[in-house]
């Protein structure tokens, strides 16, 4: 997969150093993945949540953080939209 917006991950790690290994592991898995459907993700990330418009929410570091992505399965592009704490996520609205 082609993960877009790596800068969002890097900026988040600067503020939340404890997320580094989890986010880097997710990133490495994502760039080496070949997700064609949501089931491909669900088979690996059982706690992932799926919203409309191909938004996928990943729990990071034991659900301490939430990683919001939008995935274009047909082109293999994963756009990172937002990363935050679980508490911040509860205040946000996504499609």
Protein backbone atom coordinates (compact mmCIF):
# COMPACT_ATOMS: atom_id res chain seq x y z
CA UNK A 1 0.00 0.00 0.00
CA UNK A 2 1.08 3.56 -0.59
CA UNK A 3 0.70 5.42 2.71
CA UNK A 4 0.22 9.15 2.25
CA UNK A 5 0.86 11.76 4.95
CA UNK A 6 3.75 10.15 6.82
CA UNK A 7 4.38 13.64 8.24
CA UNK A 8 1.26 13.29 10.39
CA UNK A 9 2.79 10.20 12.02
CA UNK A 10 6.16 11.87 12.52
CA UNK A 11 4.59 14.98 14.05
CA UNK A 12 2.46 12.88 16.38
CA UNK A 13 5.45 10.84 17.55
CA UNK A 14 7.25 14.08 18.48
CA UNK A 15 4.37 14.92 20.84
CA UNK A 16 3.68 11.36 22.03
CA UNK A 17 6.98 9.47 22.11
CA UNK A 18 5.32 6.41 23.65
CA UNK A 19 3.43 5.87 20.37
CA UNK A 20 6.59 5.53 18.28
CA UNK A 21 7.03 1.76 18.16
CA UNK A 22 3.31 1.09 17.63
CA UNK A 23 2.93 3.66 14.86
CA UNK A 24 6.14 2.60 13.13
CA UNK A 25 5.03 -1.05 13.28
CA UNK A 26 1.64 -0.14 11.80
CA UNK A 27 3.33 1.92 9.06
CA UNK A 28 5.70 -0.90 8.08
CA UNK A 29 2.84 -3.37 7.97
CA UNK A 30 0.70 -1.00 5.93
CA UNK A 31 3.32 -0.26 3.27
CA UNK A 32 3.93 -4.00 2.87
CA UNK A 33 0.24 -4.90 2.81
CA UNK A 34 -2.00 -5.47 -0.18
CA UNK A 35 -5.44 -4.61 1.19
CA UNK A 36 -8.11 -5.15 -1.45
CA UNK A 37 -11.12 -5.22 0.88
CA UNK A 38 -12.01 -4.32 4.44
CA UNK A 39 -11.86 -8.03 5.31
CA UNK A 40 -8.14 -8.03 4.48
CA UNK A 41 -7.70 -5.43 7.21
CA UNK A 42 -10.12 -7.07 9.65
CA UNK A 43 -8.23 -10.37 9.34
CA UNK A 44 -5.10 -8.66 10.68
CA UNK A 45 -6.58 -5.88 12.83
CA UNK A 46 -9.63 -7.34 14.53
CA UNK A 47 -10.30 -4.14 16.49
CA UNK A 48 -10.27 -1.89 13.40
CA UNK A 49 -13.46 0.07 12.87
CA UNK A 50 -14.93 0.78 9.46
CA UNK A 51 -16.90 3.92 8.66
CA UNK A 52 -18.50 5.22 5.49
CA UNK A 53 -16.36 6.54 2.62
CA UNK A 54 -13.72 3.86 3.30
CA UNK A 55 -12.57 5.40 6.56
CA UNK A 56 -10.77 2.89 8.75
CA UNK A 57 -9.92 3.53 12.39
CA UNK A 58 -6.97 1.65 13.89
CA UNK A 59 -6.35 1.32 17.62
CA UNK A 60 -2.74 2.15 18.39
CA UNK A 61 -0.77 1.18 21.50
CA UNK A 62 -3.46 -0.82 23.21
CA UNK A 63 -6.21 1.63 22.26
CA UNK A 64 -4.38 4.60 23.81
CA UNK A 65 -4.42 6.30 20.43
CA UNK A 66 -6.60 6.24 17.34
CA UNK A 67 -5.28 6.40 13.78
CA UNK A 68 -7.87 7.55 11.24
CA UNK A 69 -7.25 6.61 7.62
CA UNK A 70 -9.14 6.64 4.37
CA UNK A 71 -8.34 3.80 2.00
CA UNK A 72 -8.70 3.66 -1.76
CA UNK A 73 -8.60 -0.10 -2.17
CA UNK A 74 -8.61 0.05 -5.97
CA UNK A 75 -5.46 2.18 -6.14
CA UNK A 76 -3.75 0.95 -2.96
CA UNK A 77 -3.58 4.38 -1.34
CA UNK A 78 -3.90 4.81 2.43
CA UNK A 79 -4.39 8.46 3.43
CA UNK A 80 -3.68 9.25 7.05
CA UNK A 81 -6.34 11.74 8.12
CA UNK A 82 -5.78 12.13 11.85
CA UNK A 83 -4.08 10.65 14.92
CA UNK A 84 -5.02 11.42 18.48
CA UNK A 85 -5.77 10.09 21.90
CA UNK A 86 -8.81 7.97 22.51
CA UNK A 87 -10.36 10.88 24.43
CA UNK A 88 -9.72 13.33 21.56
CA UNK A 89 -11.19 10.84 19.09
CA UNK A 90 -14.43 10.70 21.07
CA UNK A 91 -14.86 14.45 20.51
CA UNK A 92 -14.29 14.24 16.73
CA UNK A 93 -16.74 13.50 13.97
CA UNK A 94 -15.77 11.43 10.97
CA UNK A 95 -17.96 10.27 8.10
